Amino acid sequence: RYSSTILETVTSLSAALIFILGIRHRKDIYDVLGNREGN
């Protein structure tokens, strides 16, 4: 059953990475929009 636990950890880690990357990307978009509005 080690393979199943490894799969679960990998899937959870990948989901966390996607979530963090999505937040970063969203923040970058907001920064660009803010700069456009400021300029």
C-alpha atoms as a PDB file:
ATOM      1  CA  ARG A   1       0.000   0.000   0.000  1.00  0.00           C
ATOM      2  CA  TYR A   2       3.037   2.306  -0.135  1.00  0.00           C
ATOM      3  CA  SER A   3       2.294   3.187  -3.761  1.00  0.00           C
ATOM      4  CA  SER A   4      -1.195   4.445  -2.874  1.00  0.00           C
ATOM      5  CA  THR A   5       0.125   6.730  -0.128  1.00  0.00           C
ATOM      6  CA  ILE A   6       2.834   8.049  -2.465  1.00  0.00           C
ATOM      7  CA  LEU A   7       0.187   8.758  -5.113  1.00  0.00           C
ATOM      8  CA  GLU A   8      -1.947  10.591  -2.558  1.00  0.00           C
ATOM      9  CA  THR A   9       0.978  12.729  -1.405  1.00  0.00           C
ATOM     10  CA  VAL A  10       2.006  13.503  -4.997  1.00  0.00           C
ATOM     11  CA  THR A  11      -1.535  14.490  -5.972  1.00  0.00           C
ATOM     12  CA  SER A  12      -1.915  16.684  -2.878  1.00  0.00           C
ATOM     13  CA  LEU A  13       1.465  18.337  -3.494  1.00  0.00           C
ATOM     14  CA  SER A  14       0.650  18.962  -7.164  1.00  0.00           C
ATOM     15  CA  ALA A  15      -2.722  20.456  -6.191  1.00  0.00           C
ATOM     16  CA  ALA A  16      -1.008  22.735  -3.657  1.00  0.00           C
ATOM     17  CA  LEU A  17       1.565  23.818  -6.257  1.00  0.00           C
ATOM     18  CA  ILE A  18      -1.162  24.580  -8.813  1.00  0.00           C
ATOM     19  CA  PHE A  19      -3.065  26.545  -6.143  1.00  0.00           C
ATOM     20  CA  ILE A  20       0.020  28.575  -5.162  1.00  0.00           C
ATOM     21  CA  LEU A  21       0.948  29.212  -8.809  1.00  0.00           C
ATOM     22  CA  GLY A  22      -2.623  30.305  -9.534  1.00  0.00           C
ATOM     23  CA  ILE A  23      -2.531  32.782  -6.640  1.00  0.00           C
ATOM     24  CA  ARG A  24       0.819  34.144  -7.848  1.00  0.00           C
ATOM     25  CA  HIS A  25      -0.446  34.484 -11.407  1.00  0.00           C
ATOM     26  CA  ARG A  26      -3.618  36.210 -10.181  1.00  0.00           C
ATOM     27  CA  LYS A  27      -1.520  38.619  -8.082  1.00  0.00           C
ATOM     28  CA  ASP A  28       0.650  39.429 -11.114  1.00  0.00           C
ATOM     29  CA  ILE A  29      -2.466  40.181 -13.177  1.00  0.00           C
ATOM     30  CA  TYR A  30      -3.790  42.458 -10.415  1.00  0.00           C
ATOM     31  CA  ASP A  31      -0.405  44.237 -10.245  1.00  0.00           C
ATOM     32  CA  VAL A  32      -0.443  44.820 -14.020  1.00  0.00           C
ATOM     33  CA  LEU A  33      -4.019  46.142 -13.863  1.00  0.00           C
ATOM     34  CA  GLY A  34      -3.081  48.399 -10.937  1.00  0.00           C
ATOM     35  CA  ASN A  35      -0.067  49.763 -12.824  1.00  0.00           C
ATOM     36  CA  ARG A  36      -2.226  50.442 -15.888  1.00  0.00           C
ATOM     37  CA  GLU A  37      -4.787  52.284 -13.767  1.00  0.00           C
ATOM     38  CA  GLY A  38      -2.034  54.245 -11.988  1.00  0.00           C
ATOM     39  CA  ASN A  39      -0.409  55.278 -15.259  1.00  0.00           C
END
